Structures are given as structure tokens and as C-alpha cells.
């Protein structure tokens, strides 16, 4: 006899937010010019394994749970981190120095547009996710403008906004994990009012 009991899996959102938050935090520290740029390779293991693969898996588990927004967001941003690593590691160094900023700007512009789409959809979700996507959109927008304008100051501001993005994601991790462990709302996610 087949067991027809539904399969229950844990909420993958905290894992996705954690991978996103940590990788965003570390890269944003560099974008804000708070540490020596020569140390940038420290971002790559996070981009591959935590921001990339772990977040991609969280997206797949969100598909399993029937959460379209979470599935698209985590899978896409997991792919973003993998693409970021590949672009920096294998592509950017081979581009013509005089125009490489255009390729980087285009890469960032595409993610800014996608983040804008997800930001609009996030208005149907809780307050933490809504604010996270608003701030993430601003981060990508500043990084895109700074890259196209070859303006390090705008990129630096984008780095600081990226740090704020990471902190909001980490708050989401804290709230979702704590609320699950204590089986009550210890930290509010500010649910959407009907």
C-alpha cells in the first residue's frame, strides 16, 4: 500500500534569505569601499555556495511548497550569485578596459529591471519582504547608475544601501527561524493587512 500522507518540508525561506543576506553583506562591504578591493575574492566562495547553490536549492524547495514568489526570487538570485562569480572570474578580465563598464552596467541593469518586477510583486507580501525588495531595488539602481556613469561615489552609496539590504534579509531570517522555533510570533514580519 502506498502512503498518501502529504510530505511536509520546512520553510526554505530562512535559508534563502540567509544565503542572500550574507553574500550581499560581504559584497556590499566592498562596494562601500570599507575594505581593500584586493580582498574581493573572499566573496566568491559565498557567491558560489551560499548565495548561489544554497539559495538555488531554497528556490527549488519553494516550488515544492507552491510558493511562486519565493521560488522565482530564490532561484533567480541564487543564479545571480553564480552568474556574478562567473562574470567576475571568467569574463570581466577579458573585456576591453575602456568599455568593460558598459558590460557590467548592462549586467546590473538587467538585474535592476528584474528586481523592480519582483518589488512590485512583493507589495502583496509581508512588510519585511516588501521593504527588502524596495531597498534591494535601490541598491541595484545605484550600482547600475554608478557603473554606467563611472562614478565611484554613487557605487559607494549603493554599497551602503546593499549593507542595509543584507541587514533586512537577516532580520527576516531571525524572525522566520525564531517564530518557527518558539511556535509564536517573537519577531514580527508585519503581515499584509487584508
Protein backbone atom coordinates (compact mmCIF):
# COMPACT_ATOMS: atom_id res chain seq x y z
CA UNK A 1 0.00 0.00 0.00
CA UNK A 2 1.19 3.46 -0.87
CA UNK A 3 1.35 6.03 1.87
CA UNK A 4 -0.65 9.03 0.65
CA UNK A 5 0.27 11.28 3.55
CA UNK A 6 1.41 14.70 2.36
CA UNK A 7 5.13 15.36 2.54
CA UNK A 8 5.88 18.26 4.85
CA UNK A 9 9.10 20.19 4.38
CA UNK A 10 10.48 23.00 6.47
CA UNK A 11 10.13 26.57 5.28
CA UNK A 12 13.08 27.18 2.92
CA UNK A 13 12.71 30.98 3.07
CA UNK A 14 15.09 31.49 6.02
CA UNK A 15 17.81 29.56 4.19
CA UNK A 16 17.29 31.58 1.02
CA UNK A 17 17.29 34.86 2.94
CA UNK A 18 20.40 33.82 4.89
CA UNK A 19 22.38 32.97 1.77
CA UNK A 20 21.22 36.15 0.09
CA UNK A 21 21.88 38.30 3.18
CA UNK A 22 25.38 37.08 3.91
CA UNK A 23 26.62 37.22 0.33
CA UNK A 24 25.04 40.65 -0.19
CA UNK A 25 26.61 41.89 3.04
CA UNK A 26 30.13 40.81 2.11
CA UNK A 27 29.97 42.16 -1.46
CA UNK A 28 28.38 45.40 -0.23
CA UNK A 29 31.28 45.93 2.19
CA UNK A 30 33.50 46.03 -0.92
CA UNK A 31 31.06 48.20 -2.87
CA UNK A 32 31.02 50.66 0.03
CA UNK A 33 34.84 50.67 -0.14
CA UNK A 34 35.17 49.67 3.53
CA UNK A 35 37.93 47.10 2.88
CA UNK A 36 40.78 46.72 0.40
CA UNK A 37 39.42 45.78 -3.05
CA UNK A 38 42.24 43.24 -3.44
CA UNK A 39 40.41 41.06 -0.91
CA UNK A 40 37.33 40.76 -3.19
CA UNK A 41 37.92 37.04 -3.90
CA UNK A 42 36.60 36.34 -0.38
CA UNK A 43 33.14 36.95 -1.88
CA UNK A 44 33.46 34.15 -4.45
CA UNK A 45 33.05 31.09 -2.18
CA UNK A 46 29.94 32.71 -0.68
CA UNK A 47 28.64 33.61 -4.14
CA UNK A 48 29.02 30.01 -5.30
CA UNK A 49 27.97 28.01 -2.27
CA UNK A 50 25.73 30.10 0.00
CA UNK A 51 24.31 32.89 -2.14
CA UNK A 52 24.35 30.63 -5.18
CA UNK A 53 23.76 26.93 -4.56
CA UNK A 54 22.02 27.14 -1.15
CA UNK A 55 19.70 29.89 -2.37
CA UNK A 56 19.01 28.00 -5.59
CA UNK A 57 18.03 24.95 -3.52
CA UNK A 58 15.78 27.13 -1.35
CA UNK A 59 14.07 28.25 -4.56
CA UNK A 60 13.51 24.66 -5.64
CA UNK A 61 12.00 23.82 -2.25
CA UNK A 62 9.73 26.87 -2.57
CA UNK A 63 8.47 25.37 -5.84
CA UNK A 64 7.70 22.18 -3.88
CA UNK A 65 5.75 24.21 -1.31
CA UNK A 66 3.79 26.01 -4.04
CA UNK A 67 5.25 29.45 -3.26
CA UNK A 68 5.66 31.08 -6.67
CA UNK A 69 7.22 34.31 -5.38
CA UNK A 70 9.75 32.51 -3.18
CA UNK A 71 10.57 30.02 -5.92
CA UNK A 72 11.23 32.72 -8.52
CA UNK A 73 13.07 35.03 -6.12
CA UNK A 74 15.40 32.49 -4.51
CA UNK A 75 16.11 30.58 -7.71
CA UNK A 76 16.80 33.79 -9.63
CA UNK A 77 19.03 35.42 -7.02
CA UNK A 78 20.83 32.11 -6.50
CA UNK A 79 21.52 32.17 -10.23
CA UNK A 80 22.54 35.84 -9.91
CA UNK A 81 25.30 34.94 -7.47
CA UNK A 82 26.55 32.10 -9.64
CA UNK A 83 26.47 34.38 -12.70
CA UNK A 84 28.23 37.15 -10.74
CA UNK A 85 31.03 34.78 -9.78
CA UNK A 86 31.39 33.50 -13.35
CA UNK A 87 31.31 37.02 -14.81
CA UNK A 88 33.98 38.38 -12.46
CA UNK A 89 36.09 35.22 -12.54
CA UNK A 90 35.93 34.33 -16.23
CA UNK A 91 34.56 37.23 -18.32
CA UNK A 92 35.25 40.70 -16.91
CA UNK A 93 39.04 40.46 -17.05
CA UNK A 94 38.96 39.69 -20.78
CA UNK A 95 36.80 42.66 -21.76
CA UNK A 96 38.33 45.79 -23.30
CA UNK A 97 39.31 48.03 -20.38
CA UNK A 98 37.86 51.19 -21.98
CA UNK A 99 34.34 49.76 -22.36
CA UNK A 100 34.12 46.97 -19.75
CA UNK A 101 31.97 49.22 -17.57
CA UNK A 102 29.23 49.02 -20.24
CA UNK A 103 29.05 45.23 -19.95
CA UNK A 104 28.99 45.42 -16.15
CA UNK A 105 26.37 48.16 -16.33
CA UNK A 106 24.21 46.06 -18.64
CA UNK A 107 24.51 43.07 -16.27
CA UNK A 108 23.41 45.28 -13.36
CA UNK A 109 20.67 46.98 -15.38
CA UNK A 110 19.07 43.64 -16.25
CA UNK A 111 19.03 42.71 -12.54
CA UNK A 112 17.67 46.14 -11.64
CA UNK A 113 14.74 45.61 -14.02
CA UNK A 114 14.09 42.11 -12.69
CA UNK A 115 14.28 43.38 -9.10
CA UNK A 116 11.78 46.12 -9.98
CA UNK A 117 9.37 43.45 -11.22
CA UNK A 118 9.84 41.43 -8.03
CA UNK A 119 9.49 44.59 -5.92
CA UNK A 120 6.06 45.26 -7.41
CA UNK A 121 5.00 41.67 -6.68
CA UNK A 122 6.38 41.95 -3.13
CA UNK A 123 3.73 44.54 -2.33
CA UNK A 124 1.36 41.57 -1.99
CA UNK A 125 3.52 40.08 0.79
CA UNK A 126 4.53 40.93 4.35
CA UNK A 127 6.26 44.17 5.33
CA UNK A 128 9.74 42.68 5.72
CA UNK A 129 9.82 41.23 2.21
CA UNK A 130 8.25 44.39 0.76
CA UNK A 131 10.89 46.65 2.37
CA UNK A 132 13.66 44.19 1.45
CA UNK A 133 12.76 44.41 -2.24
CA UNK A 134 12.38 48.19 -2.19
CA UNK A 135 15.85 48.58 -0.68
CA UNK A 136 17.31 45.90 -2.97
CA UNK A 137 15.89 47.74 -6.00
CA UNK A 138 17.51 50.98 -4.79
CA UNK A 139 20.80 49.09 -4.31
CA UNK A 140 20.80 47.72 -7.85
CA UNK A 141 19.71 51.08 -9.27
CA UNK A 142 22.56 52.94 -7.54
CA UNK A 143 25.11 50.31 -8.59
CA UNK A 144 23.84 50.47 -12.18
CA UNK A 145 23.95 54.26 -12.33
CA UNK A 146 27.35 54.35 -10.65
CA UNK A 147 28.74 51.83 -13.12
CA UNK A 148 27.35 53.50 -16.26
CA UNK A 149 28.43 56.94 -15.03
CA UNK A 150 31.82 55.62 -13.88
CA UNK A 151 31.04 57.36 -10.59
CA UNK A 152 32.60 55.59 -7.62
CA UNK A 153 30.68 57.77 -5.13
CA UNK A 154 27.31 56.54 -6.40
CA UNK A 155 28.59 52.96 -6.32
CA UNK A 156 29.80 53.51 -2.76
CA UNK A 157 26.33 54.72 -1.72
CA UNK A 158 24.95 51.59 -3.44
CA UNK A 159 27.30 49.58 -1.23
CA UNK A 160 25.93 51.16 1.93
CA UNK A 161 22.34 50.58 0.76
CA UNK A 162 23.39 46.99 0.00
CA UNK A 163 24.54 46.59 3.61
CA UNK A 164 21.08 47.77 4.71
CA UNK A 165 19.55 45.23 2.29
CA UNK A 166 21.57 42.45 3.93
CA UNK A 167 20.52 43.56 7.43
CA UNK A 168 16.85 43.47 6.41
CA UNK A 169 17.33 39.97 4.96
CA UNK A 170 19.00 38.86 8.19
CA UNK A 171 16.11 40.28 10.19
CA UNK A 172 13.83 38.09 8.06
CA UNK A 173 16.00 35.07 8.93
CA UNK A 174 15.86 35.94 12.63
CA UNK A 175 12.08 36.37 12.56
CA UNK A 176 11.27 33.27 10.50
CA UNK A 177 13.58 30.91 12.40
CA UNK A 178 12.71 32.28 15.86
CA UNK A 179 8.98 32.29 15.15
CA UNK A 180 9.22 28.69 13.97
CA UNK A 181 11.32 27.52 16.92
CA UNK A 182 9.16 29.23 19.55
CA UNK A 183 5.96 28.47 17.64
CA UNK A 184 4.76 32.05 18.07
CA UNK A 185 5.49 35.50 16.63
CA UNK A 186 8.57 36.54 18.58
CA UNK A 187 9.74 38.92 15.84
CA UNK A 188 7.08 40.41 13.57
CA UNK A 189 7.18 40.01 9.80
CA UNK A 190 4.49 42.71 9.56
CA UNK A 191 1.91 40.71 7.65
CA UNK A 192 -0.06 42.31 4.86
CA UNK A 193 -3.32 43.75 6.12
CA UNK A 194 -6.36 42.43 4.27
